């Protein structure tokens, strides 16, 4: 049981997570929450949403791959800390309580807390997802797996690709929003 391939994959996941945290580091709370247009969720939403998916992945992974019983019973940080209740977000948070599927008005009305709280949660969720993924063996990458969409015919490897692709999309949105707000991003430095 090797982990050479998994370590390389986790390296890509870790890279994108670090890029998220670095992308918001220089923002004040106003820029973090700003919505420069009616169809543009705030940077805070993009970070929160991506962190929620990382947390959902690490919490639900054991139910996706029944052969990997060592991953069963993990709890999402979100649920363990009742962050929806603590932050006063209510129950209408979209699929898996991640913001997926919320319309523009609902995502705009989401009363996310101050930047420090969202960044702290993102850091923890990203770390938890990386920890889970790092515990996968190379010879387990092609085990059949379920997914969040009930599409079927996934394998464990697909979770790495999906997560990096999804996170990259939202990181790109953060970079674009920073540009619209007049804040330098990685492409302008």
N, C-alpha and C. Protein backbone atom coordinates (compact mmCIF):
# COMPACT_ATOMS: atom_id res chain seq x y z
N UNK A 1 0.85 -1.18 0.00
CA UNK A 1 0.00 0.00 0.00
C UNK A 1 0.88 1.24 0.00
N UNK A 2 0.94 1.89 -1.14
CA UNK A 2 1.72 3.11 -1.24
C UNK A 2 0.84 4.33 -1.18
N UNK A 3 1.49 5.46 -1.08
CA UNK A 3 0.76 6.73 -1.04
C UNK A 3 1.42 7.79 -1.92
N UNK A 4 2.26 7.39 -2.86
CA UNK A 4 2.94 8.36 -3.71
C UNK A 4 1.95 9.16 -4.55
N UNK A 5 1.01 8.50 -5.17
CA UNK A 5 0.04 9.19 -6.01
C UNK A 5 -0.87 10.05 -5.14
N UNK A 6 -1.35 9.48 -4.05
CA UNK A 6 -2.23 10.23 -3.16
C UNK A 6 -1.53 11.47 -2.63
N UNK A 7 -0.27 11.37 -2.25
CA UNK A 7 0.46 12.54 -1.75
C UNK A 7 0.53 13.64 -2.80
N UNK A 8 0.72 13.27 -4.06
CA UNK A 8 0.75 14.26 -5.13
C UNK A 8 -0.63 14.91 -5.30
N UNK A 9 -1.67 14.10 -5.23
CA UNK A 9 -3.03 14.63 -5.35
C UNK A 9 -3.38 15.55 -4.17
N UNK A 10 -3.02 15.12 -2.99
CA UNK A 10 -3.27 15.95 -1.81
C UNK A 10 -2.46 17.25 -1.91
N UNK A 11 -1.30 17.18 -2.50
CA UNK A 11 -0.50 18.40 -2.71
C UNK A 11 -1.25 19.42 -3.55
N UNK A 12 -1.97 18.95 -4.57
CA UNK A 12 -2.77 19.86 -5.42
C UNK A 12 -3.94 20.42 -4.63
N UNK A 13 -4.59 19.57 -3.83
CA UNK A 13 -5.71 20.02 -3.00
C UNK A 13 -5.21 21.05 -1.99
N UNK A 14 -4.11 20.76 -1.35
CA UNK A 14 -3.53 21.69 -0.37
C UNK A 14 -3.15 23.01 -1.01
N UNK A 15 -2.60 22.95 -2.21
CA UNK A 15 -2.21 24.16 -2.94
C UNK A 15 -3.42 25.07 -3.16
N UNK A 16 -4.53 24.49 -3.60
CA UNK A 16 -5.71 25.31 -3.88
C UNK A 16 -6.30 25.85 -2.59
N UNK A 17 -6.27 25.07 -1.52
CA UNK A 17 -6.77 25.56 -0.24
C UNK A 17 -5.93 26.74 0.26
N UNK A 18 -4.61 26.61 0.18
CA UNK A 18 -3.74 27.71 0.59
C UNK A 18 -3.98 28.95 -0.26
N UNK A 19 -4.21 28.75 -1.56
CA UNK A 19 -4.47 29.88 -2.45
C UNK A 19 -5.74 30.63 -2.02
N UNK A 20 -6.75 29.89 -1.57
CA UNK A 20 -7.97 30.53 -1.05
C UNK A 20 -7.65 31.42 0.14
N UNK A 21 -6.94 30.86 1.09
CA UNK A 21 -6.66 31.60 2.31
C UNK A 21 -5.78 32.81 2.03
N UNK A 22 -4.84 32.67 1.12
CA UNK A 22 -3.99 33.80 0.74
C UNK A 22 -4.78 34.86 -0.03
N UNK A 23 -5.74 34.43 -0.84
CA UNK A 23 -6.52 35.36 -1.65
C UNK A 23 -7.37 36.30 -0.81
N UNK A 24 -7.79 35.86 0.37
CA UNK A 24 -8.64 36.70 1.21
C UNK A 24 -7.86 37.41 2.32
N UNK A 25 -6.61 37.06 2.46
CA UNK A 25 -5.79 37.58 3.56
C UNK A 25 -5.76 39.10 3.61
N UNK A 26 -5.63 39.75 2.47
CA UNK A 26 -5.47 41.20 2.44
C UNK A 26 -6.78 41.98 2.41
N UNK A 27 -7.90 41.29 2.48
CA UNK A 27 -9.19 41.97 2.39
C UNK A 27 -9.67 42.46 3.74
N UNK A 28 -10.23 43.66 3.76
CA UNK A 28 -10.91 44.10 4.98
C UNK A 28 -12.32 43.48 4.96
N UNK A 29 -13.03 43.60 6.06
CA UNK A 29 -14.33 42.94 6.16
C UNK A 29 -15.31 43.49 5.12
N UNK A 30 -15.23 44.77 4.82
CA UNK A 30 -16.12 45.36 3.82
C UNK A 30 -15.92 44.76 2.45
N UNK A 31 -14.67 44.62 2.02
CA UNK A 31 -14.37 44.01 0.72
C UNK A 31 -14.74 42.53 0.72
N UNK A 32 -14.53 41.88 1.85
CA UNK A 32 -14.84 40.46 1.98
C UNK A 32 -16.33 40.21 1.77
N UNK A 33 -17.17 41.15 2.20
CA UNK A 33 -18.62 40.99 2.12
C UNK A 33 -19.26 41.69 0.91
N UNK A 34 -18.50 42.51 0.19
CA UNK A 34 -19.06 43.33 -0.89
C UNK A 34 -19.63 42.49 -2.02
N UNK A 35 -20.75 42.95 -2.55
CA UNK A 35 -21.38 42.35 -3.74
C UNK A 35 -21.41 43.43 -4.81
N UNK A 36 -20.49 43.37 -5.75
CA UNK A 36 -20.43 44.43 -6.75
C UNK A 36 -21.53 44.37 -7.80
N UNK A 37 -22.39 43.39 -7.75
CA UNK A 37 -23.50 43.29 -8.68
C UNK A 37 -24.55 42.34 -8.15
N UNK A 38 -25.75 42.46 -8.69
CA UNK A 38 -26.88 41.67 -8.21
C UNK A 38 -26.69 40.17 -8.46
N UNK A 39 -25.87 39.80 -9.39
CA UNK A 39 -25.66 38.38 -9.72
C UNK A 39 -24.29 37.87 -9.27
N UNK A 40 -23.61 38.63 -8.45
CA UNK A 40 -22.26 38.26 -8.01
C UNK A 40 -22.23 38.04 -6.51
N UNK A 41 -22.22 36.78 -6.07
CA UNK A 41 -22.09 36.54 -4.62
C UNK A 41 -20.78 37.14 -4.10
N UNK A 42 -20.79 37.53 -2.86
CA UNK A 42 -19.61 38.13 -2.23
C UNK A 42 -18.47 37.12 -2.10
N UNK A 43 -17.28 37.62 -1.95
CA UNK A 43 -16.11 36.78 -1.71
C UNK A 43 -16.34 35.90 -0.49
N UNK A 44 -16.99 36.45 0.53
CA UNK A 44 -17.27 35.66 1.74
C UNK A 44 -18.09 34.42 1.40
N UNK A 45 -19.04 34.56 0.49
CA UNK A 45 -19.86 33.41 0.10
C UNK A 45 -19.01 32.35 -0.60
N UNK A 46 -18.14 32.76 -1.51
CA UNK A 46 -17.32 31.80 -2.24
C UNK A 46 -16.40 31.02 -1.30
N UNK A 47 -15.81 31.70 -0.33
CA UNK A 47 -14.95 31.00 0.63
C UNK A 47 -15.77 30.06 1.50
N UNK A 48 -16.88 30.56 2.04
CA UNK A 48 -17.74 29.74 2.90
C UNK A 48 -18.24 28.52 2.15
N UNK A 49 -18.74 28.72 0.94
CA UNK A 49 -19.29 27.63 0.13
C UNK A 49 -18.25 26.56 -0.15
N UNK A 50 -17.06 26.95 -0.50
CA UNK A 50 -16.00 25.98 -0.80
C UNK A 50 -15.57 25.25 0.47
N UNK A 51 -15.51 25.96 1.57
CA UNK A 51 -15.18 25.32 2.85
C UNK A 51 -16.27 24.33 3.24
N UNK A 52 -17.53 24.69 3.00
CA UNK A 52 -18.63 23.77 3.31
C UNK A 52 -18.52 22.48 2.51
N UNK A 53 -18.15 22.59 1.22
CA UNK A 53 -18.01 21.38 0.42
C UNK A 53 -16.83 20.54 0.90
N UNK A 54 -15.75 21.17 1.30
CA UNK A 54 -14.60 20.42 1.84
C UNK A 54 -15.02 19.69 3.12
N UNK A 55 -15.77 20.38 3.97
CA UNK A 55 -16.23 19.79 5.22
C UNK A 55 -17.23 18.66 4.94
N UNK A 56 -18.14 18.88 4.00
CA UNK A 56 -19.10 17.83 3.65
C UNK A 56 -18.39 16.61 3.08
N UNK A 57 -17.36 16.83 2.28
CA UNK A 57 -16.59 15.71 1.73
C UNK A 57 -15.97 14.89 2.85
N UNK A 58 -15.28 15.56 3.77
CA UNK A 58 -14.60 14.80 4.82
C UNK A 58 -15.60 14.13 5.75
N UNK A 59 -16.76 14.73 5.94
CA UNK A 59 -17.76 14.14 6.82
C UNK A 59 -18.55 13.00 6.18
N UNK A 60 -18.78 13.09 4.88
CA UNK A 60 -19.63 12.11 4.21
C UNK A 60 -18.85 11.04 3.46
N UNK A 61 -17.55 11.16 3.34
CA UNK A 61 -16.77 10.26 2.51
C UNK A 61 -17.00 8.79 2.87
N UNK A 62 -17.10 8.48 4.15
CA UNK A 62 -17.31 7.11 4.58
C UNK A 62 -18.60 6.50 4.06
N UNK A 63 -19.61 7.34 3.82
CA UNK A 63 -20.87 6.83 3.26
C UNK A 63 -20.78 6.66 1.74
N UNK A 64 -19.82 7.31 1.12
CA UNK A 64 -19.64 7.18 -0.33
C UNK A 64 -18.90 5.90 -0.70
N UNK A 65 -17.98 5.47 0.15
CA UNK A 65 -17.12 4.32 -0.16
C UNK A 65 -17.25 3.30 0.98
N UNK A 66 -18.28 2.46 0.92
CA UNK A 66 -18.52 1.52 2.01
C UNK A 66 -17.34 0.58 2.28
N UNK A 67 -16.51 0.32 1.27
CA UNK A 67 -15.36 -0.58 1.48
C UNK A 67 -14.32 0.05 2.42
N UNK A 68 -14.36 1.34 2.57
CA UNK A 68 -13.37 2.03 3.41
C UNK A 68 -14.01 2.38 4.75
N UNK A 69 -14.28 1.34 5.53
CA UNK A 69 -15.00 1.52 6.80
C UNK A 69 -14.25 2.42 7.78
N UNK A 70 -12.95 2.56 7.62
CA UNK A 70 -12.20 3.42 8.56
C UNK A 70 -12.62 4.89 8.46
N UNK A 71 -13.31 5.25 7.38
CA UNK A 71 -13.75 6.63 7.22
C UNK A 71 -15.19 6.86 7.69
N UNK A 72 -15.87 5.82 8.11
CA UNK A 72 -17.27 5.95 8.55
C UNK A 72 -17.33 6.67 9.89
N UNK A 73 -18.42 7.36 10.10
CA UNK A 73 -18.66 7.99 11.40
C UNK A 73 -18.00 9.33 11.61
N UNK A 74 -17.39 9.89 10.58
CA UNK A 74 -16.79 11.23 10.74
C UNK A 74 -17.91 12.26 10.78
N UNK A 75 -17.71 13.29 11.56
CA UNK A 75 -18.72 14.34 11.67
C UNK A 75 -18.20 15.60 11.01
N UNK A 76 -19.11 16.32 10.38
CA UNK A 76 -18.72 17.60 9.81
C UNK A 76 -18.49 18.61 10.93
N UNK A 77 -17.50 19.43 10.77
CA UNK A 77 -17.22 20.51 11.72
C UNK A 77 -18.46 21.40 11.84
N UNK A 78 -19.08 21.65 10.70
CA UNK A 78 -20.28 22.49 10.61
C UNK A 78 -21.36 22.01 11.57
N UNK A 79 -21.60 20.70 11.57
CA UNK A 79 -22.63 20.12 12.42
C UNK A 79 -22.17 20.01 13.87
N UNK A 80 -20.95 19.59 14.07
CA UNK A 80 -20.43 19.40 15.43
C UNK A 80 -20.47 20.71 16.23
N UNK A 81 -20.26 21.82 15.57
CA UNK A 81 -20.25 23.12 16.24
C UNK A 81 -21.55 23.89 16.06
N UNK A 82 -22.51 23.28 15.37
CA UNK A 82 -23.78 23.95 15.06
C UNK A 82 -23.54 25.37 14.56
N UNK A 83 -22.69 25.48 13.56
CA UNK A 83 -22.34 26.81 13.05
C UNK A 83 -23.51 27.51 12.39
N UNK A 84 -24.42 26.77 11.77
CA UNK A 84 -25.60 27.42 11.20
C UNK A 84 -26.39 28.13 12.29
N UNK A 85 -26.56 27.46 13.43
CA UNK A 85 -27.26 28.07 14.56
C UNK A 85 -26.45 29.17 15.21
N UNK A 86 -25.17 28.90 15.43
CA UNK A 86 -24.29 29.89 16.08
C UNK A 86 -24.21 31.17 15.26
N UNK A 87 -24.16 31.01 13.95
CA UNK A 87 -24.05 32.17 13.07
C UNK A 87 -25.41 32.75 12.68
N UNK A 88 -26.50 32.12 13.11
CA UNK A 88 -27.84 32.62 12.81
C UNK A 88 -28.23 32.54 11.35
N UNK A 89 -27.82 31.46 10.68
CA UNK A 89 -28.05 31.34 9.24
C UNK A 89 -29.38 30.69 8.88
N UNK A 90 -30.02 30.03 9.81
CA UNK A 90 -31.29 29.38 9.50
C UNK A 90 -31.09 28.05 8.82
N UNK A 91 -32.17 27.52 8.26
CA UNK A 91 -32.15 26.19 7.68
C UNK A 91 -32.07 26.17 6.15
N UNK A 92 -32.30 27.27 5.51
CA UNK A 92 -32.33 27.32 4.04
C UNK A 92 -30.95 27.64 3.49
N UNK A 93 -30.10 26.61 3.47
CA UNK A 93 -28.72 26.81 3.04
C UNK A 93 -28.38 26.02 1.78
N UNK A 94 -29.38 25.50 1.09
CA UNK A 94 -29.14 24.77 -0.14
C UNK A 94 -28.73 23.33 0.10
N UNK A 95 -28.32 22.67 -0.98
CA UNK A 95 -27.93 21.26 -0.94
C UNK A 95 -26.80 21.04 0.06
N UNK A 96 -26.98 20.06 0.91
CA UNK A 96 -25.98 19.70 1.93
C UNK A 96 -25.64 20.88 2.85
N UNK A 97 -26.51 21.89 2.91
CA UNK A 97 -26.26 23.11 3.70
C UNK A 97 -24.96 23.78 3.28
N UNK A 98 -24.71 23.80 1.96
CA UNK A 98 -23.46 24.35 1.41
C UNK A 98 -23.66 25.63 0.60
N UNK A 99 -24.89 26.05 0.43
CA UNK A 99 -25.16 27.21 -0.42
C UNK A 99 -25.44 26.84 -1.85
N UNK A 100 -25.19 25.57 -2.22
CA UNK A 100 -25.47 25.16 -3.59
C UNK A 100 -26.97 25.19 -3.85
N UNK A 101 -27.33 25.84 -4.94
CA UNK A 101 -28.73 25.92 -5.33
C UNK A 101 -29.45 27.14 -4.81
N UNK A 102 -28.80 27.95 -3.98
CA UNK A 102 -29.45 29.18 -3.53
C UNK A 102 -29.51 30.17 -4.69
N UNK A 103 -30.62 30.87 -4.80
CA UNK A 103 -30.68 31.90 -5.85
C UNK A 103 -29.91 33.14 -5.38
N UNK A 104 -29.78 34.10 -6.27
CA UNK A 104 -28.96 35.29 -5.99
C UNK A 104 -29.44 36.04 -4.75
N UNK A 105 -30.76 36.18 -4.61
CA UNK A 105 -31.29 36.91 -3.46
C UNK A 105 -31.00 36.17 -2.15
N UNK A 106 -31.15 34.84 -2.17
CA UNK A 106 -30.91 34.05 -0.96
C UNK A 106 -29.44 34.07 -0.57
N UNK A 107 -28.55 33.95 -1.55
CA UNK A 107 -27.12 33.98 -1.22
C UNK A 107 -26.71 35.37 -0.73
N UNK A 108 -27.32 36.42 -1.28
CA UNK A 108 -27.01 37.78 -0.84
C UNK A 108 -27.51 38.03 0.58
N UNK A 109 -28.62 37.41 0.94
CA UNK A 109 -29.21 37.62 2.26
C UNK A 109 -28.57 36.76 3.35
N UNK A 110 -27.69 35.87 2.97
CA UNK A 110 -27.05 34.98 3.94
C UNK A 110 -26.18 35.81 4.89
N UNK A 111 -26.53 35.87 6.16
CA UNK A 111 -25.79 36.72 7.10
C UNK A 111 -24.51 36.04 7.63
N UNK A 112 -23.56 35.85 6.74
CA UNK A 112 -22.30 35.22 7.18
C UNK A 112 -21.62 36.11 8.21
N UNK A 113 -20.89 35.51 9.14
CA UNK A 113 -20.23 36.30 10.18
C UNK A 113 -19.03 37.06 9.63
N UNK A 114 -18.33 37.71 10.51
CA UNK A 114 -17.14 38.49 10.13
C UNK A 114 -16.09 37.59 9.47
N UNK A 115 -15.23 38.22 8.74
CA UNK A 115 -14.20 37.52 7.96
C UNK A 115 -13.42 36.52 8.81
N UNK A 116 -12.99 36.90 9.99
CA UNK A 116 -12.17 36.02 10.82
C UNK A 116 -12.86 34.68 11.10
N UNK A 117 -14.16 34.71 11.35
CA UNK A 117 -14.90 33.48 11.64
C UNK A 117 -14.99 32.59 10.41
N UNK A 118 -15.26 33.18 9.26
CA UNK A 118 -15.37 32.39 8.02
C UNK A 118 -14.01 31.82 7.65
N UNK A 119 -12.96 32.61 7.76
CA UNK A 119 -11.60 32.14 7.44
C UNK A 119 -11.19 31.03 8.40
N UNK A 120 -11.51 31.17 9.67
CA UNK A 120 -11.17 30.13 10.64
C UNK A 120 -11.88 28.82 10.30
N UNK A 121 -13.16 28.89 9.98
CA UNK A 121 -13.89 27.69 9.59
C UNK A 121 -13.29 27.09 8.32
N UNK A 122 -12.98 27.92 7.34
CA UNK A 122 -12.40 27.43 6.09
C UNK A 122 -11.09 26.71 6.36
N UNK A 123 -10.26 27.29 7.18
CA UNK A 123 -8.97 26.67 7.51
C UNK A 123 -9.20 25.29 8.12
N UNK A 124 -10.11 25.18 9.06
CA UNK A 124 -10.38 23.89 9.71
C UNK A 124 -10.99 22.88 8.74
N UNK A 125 -11.93 23.33 7.92
CA UNK A 125 -12.57 22.42 6.96
C UNK A 125 -11.57 21.94 5.92
N UNK A 126 -10.73 22.85 5.43
CA UNK A 126 -9.72 22.46 4.45
C UNK A 126 -8.74 21.46 5.07
N UNK A 127 -8.31 21.71 6.29
CA UNK A 127 -7.39 20.78 6.97
C UNK A 127 -8.03 19.41 7.15
N UNK A 128 -9.30 19.39 7.54
CA UNK A 128 -10.00 18.11 7.76
C UNK A 128 -10.11 17.32 6.46
N UNK A 129 -10.43 18.01 5.36
CA UNK A 129 -10.53 17.33 4.06
C UNK A 129 -9.18 16.78 3.63
N UNK A 130 -8.13 17.58 3.79
CA UNK A 130 -6.79 17.12 3.42
C UNK A 130 -6.36 15.92 4.27
N UNK A 131 -6.68 15.97 5.54
CA UNK A 131 -6.34 14.86 6.44
C UNK A 131 -7.02 13.58 5.97
N UNK A 132 -8.30 13.67 5.66
CA UNK A 132 -9.03 12.49 5.17
C UNK A 132 -8.40 11.98 3.88
N UNK A 133 -8.21 12.85 2.92
CA UNK A 133 -7.69 12.44 1.62
C UNK A 133 -6.29 11.83 1.73
N UNK A 134 -5.49 12.37 2.64
CA UNK A 134 -4.13 11.87 2.83
C UNK A 134 -4.12 10.43 3.37
N UNK A 135 -5.20 10.02 4.01
CA UNK A 135 -5.28 8.67 4.58
C UNK A 135 -5.73 7.61 3.58
N UNK A 136 -5.94 8.01 2.34
CA UNK A 136 -6.31 7.06 1.30
C UNK A 136 -5.03 6.45 0.74
N UNK A 137 -5.06 5.16 0.45
CA UNK A 137 -3.91 4.48 -0.16
C UNK A 137 -4.05 4.53 -1.68
N UNK A 138 -2.90 4.51 -2.36
CA UNK A 138 -2.92 4.53 -3.83
C UNK A 138 -3.77 3.42 -4.42
N UNK A 139 -3.71 2.23 -3.81
CA UNK A 139 -4.46 1.11 -4.38
C UNK A 139 -5.97 1.20 -4.11
N UNK A 140 -6.41 2.25 -3.43
CA UNK A 140 -7.83 2.46 -3.17
C UNK A 140 -8.44 3.51 -4.10
N UNK A 141 -7.63 4.13 -4.95
CA UNK A 141 -8.11 5.23 -5.79
C UNK A 141 -9.18 4.82 -6.80
N UNK A 142 -9.21 3.55 -7.17
CA UNK A 142 -10.19 3.12 -8.16
C UNK A 142 -11.32 2.28 -7.58
N UNK A 143 -11.48 2.35 -6.25
CA UNK A 143 -12.63 1.70 -5.62
C UNK A 143 -13.91 2.45 -6.02
N UNK A 144 -15.00 1.73 -6.27
CA UNK A 144 -16.27 2.40 -6.59
C UNK A 144 -16.69 3.32 -5.45
N UNK A 145 -17.28 4.44 -5.82
CA UNK A 145 -17.67 5.44 -4.84
C UNK A 145 -18.97 6.11 -5.23
N UNK A 146 -19.73 6.49 -4.23
CA UNK A 146 -20.88 7.35 -4.45
C UNK A 146 -20.40 8.79 -4.53
N UNK A 147 -21.35 9.70 -4.69
CA UNK A 147 -21.00 11.12 -4.77
C UNK A 147 -22.18 11.94 -4.25
N UNK A 148 -22.00 13.23 -4.18
CA UNK A 148 -23.03 14.13 -3.67
C UNK A 148 -24.25 14.23 -4.59
N UNK A 149 -24.09 13.86 -5.84
CA UNK A 149 -25.14 14.06 -6.82
C UNK A 149 -25.89 12.78 -7.17
N UNK A 150 -25.52 11.67 -6.58
CA UNK A 150 -26.12 10.37 -6.88
C UNK A 150 -26.03 10.04 -8.36
N UNK A 151 -24.90 10.43 -8.96
CA UNK A 151 -24.67 10.14 -10.37
C UNK A 151 -24.16 8.72 -10.58
N UNK A 152 -23.57 8.16 -9.55
CA UNK A 152 -23.04 6.80 -9.63
C UNK A 152 -21.82 6.71 -10.52
N UNK A 153 -21.23 5.53 -10.50
CA UNK A 153 -20.07 5.21 -11.32
C UNK A 153 -18.87 6.14 -11.09
N UNK A 154 -18.76 6.67 -9.91
CA UNK A 154 -17.56 7.39 -9.52
C UNK A 154 -16.59 6.38 -8.93
N UNK A 155 -15.33 6.78 -8.84
CA UNK A 155 -14.33 6.06 -8.08
C UNK A 155 -13.71 7.06 -7.12
N UNK A 156 -12.97 6.58 -6.15
CA UNK A 156 -12.39 7.46 -5.13
C UNK A 156 -11.60 8.60 -5.78
N UNK A 157 -10.84 8.31 -6.81
CA UNK A 157 -10.03 9.33 -7.50
C UNK A 157 -10.87 10.52 -7.96
N UNK A 158 -12.11 10.28 -8.35
CA UNK A 158 -12.97 11.35 -8.83
C UNK A 158 -13.20 12.44 -7.78
N UNK A 159 -13.15 12.09 -6.52
CA UNK A 159 -13.35 13.09 -5.46
C UNK A 159 -12.22 14.12 -5.45
N UNK A 160 -11.00 13.69 -5.73
CA UNK A 160 -9.88 14.63 -5.81
C UNK A 160 -10.11 15.62 -6.95
N UNK A 161 -10.41 15.07 -8.12
CA UNK A 161 -10.61 15.92 -9.30
C UNK A 161 -11.78 16.87 -9.14
N UNK A 162 -12.89 16.34 -8.62
CA UNK A 162 -14.06 17.19 -8.45
C UNK A 162 -13.76 18.33 -7.48
N UNK A 163 -13.12 18.01 -6.36
CA UNK A 163 -12.87 19.03 -5.35
C UNK A 163 -11.94 20.13 -5.90
N UNK A 164 -10.87 19.74 -6.56
CA UNK A 164 -9.94 20.74 -7.10
C UNK A 164 -10.62 21.58 -8.18
N UNK A 165 -11.41 20.94 -9.04
CA UNK A 165 -12.11 21.68 -10.09
C UNK A 165 -13.10 22.67 -9.49
N UNK A 166 -13.89 22.20 -8.54
CA UNK A 166 -14.88 23.07 -7.90
C UNK A 166 -14.20 24.22 -7.17
N UNK A 167 -13.18 23.92 -6.40
CA UNK A 167 -12.48 24.96 -5.65
C UNK A 167 -11.82 25.97 -6.60
N UNK A 168 -11.26 25.50 -7.69
CA UNK A 168 -10.61 26.40 -8.66
C UNK A 168 -11.61 27.38 -9.25
N UNK A 169 -12.80 26.89 -9.52
CA UNK A 169 -13.84 27.77 -10.06
C UNK A 169 -14.14 28.91 -9.08
N UNK A 170 -14.30 28.58 -7.81
CA UNK A 170 -14.63 29.61 -6.83
C UNK A 170 -13.44 30.50 -6.49
N UNK A 171 -12.25 29.97 -6.54
CA UNK A 171 -11.07 30.81 -6.35
C UNK A 171 -10.98 31.82 -7.49
N UNK A 172 -11.26 31.39 -8.70
CA UNK A 172 -11.27 32.31 -9.84
C UNK A 172 -12.29 33.42 -9.65
N UNK A 173 -13.45 33.08 -9.08
CA UNK A 173 -14.45 34.11 -8.81
C UNK A 173 -13.94 35.11 -7.78
N UNK A 174 -13.25 34.61 -6.76
CA UNK A 174 -12.69 35.52 -5.75
C UNK A 174 -11.68 36.46 -6.40
N UNK A 175 -10.81 35.92 -7.24
CA UNK A 175 -9.81 36.76 -7.92
C UNK A 175 -10.50 37.81 -8.80
N UNK A 176 -11.55 37.41 -9.53
CA UNK A 176 -12.26 38.36 -10.38
C UNK A 176 -12.94 39.44 -9.54
N UNK A 177 -13.58 39.04 -8.45
CA UNK A 177 -14.23 40.01 -7.58
C UNK A 177 -13.23 40.98 -6.97
N UNK A 178 -12.06 40.48 -6.60
CA UNK A 178 -11.03 41.38 -6.08
C UNK A 178 -10.68 42.44 -7.13
N UNK A 179 -10.57 42.02 -8.37
CA UNK A 179 -10.28 42.98 -9.44
C UNK A 179 -11.37 44.02 -9.60
N UNK A 180 -12.62 43.58 -9.56
CA UNK A 180 -13.75 44.50 -9.67
C UNK A 180 -13.75 45.47 -8.50
N UNK A 181 -13.35 45.01 -7.33
CA UNK A 181 -13.30 45.87 -6.14
C UNK A 181 -12.06 46.75 -6.09
N UNK A 182 -11.16 46.58 -7.08
CA UNK A 182 -9.95 47.40 -7.11
C UNK A 182 -8.85 46.90 -6.20
N UNK A 183 -8.92 45.64 -5.81
CA UNK A 183 -7.92 45.05 -4.95
C UNK A 183 -7.04 44.15 -5.80
N UNK A 184 -5.73 44.24 -5.63
CA UNK A 184 -4.82 43.41 -6.43
C UNK A 184 -5.03 41.94 -6.08
N UNK A 185 -5.01 41.12 -7.11
CA UNK A 185 -5.08 39.67 -6.94
C UNK A 185 -3.77 39.07 -7.39
N UNK A 186 -3.71 37.76 -7.42
CA UNK A 186 -2.45 37.10 -7.80
C UNK A 186 -2.10 37.36 -9.25
N UNK A 187 -3.09 37.58 -10.10
CA UNK A 187 -2.82 37.83 -11.51
C UNK A 187 -2.33 39.25 -11.76
N UNK A 188 -2.51 40.13 -10.79
CA UNK A 188 -2.12 41.53 -10.99
C UNK A 188 -0.88 41.91 -10.20
N UNK A 189 -0.37 41.01 -9.41
CA UNK A 189 0.80 41.32 -8.58
C UNK A 189 2.06 41.22 -9.41
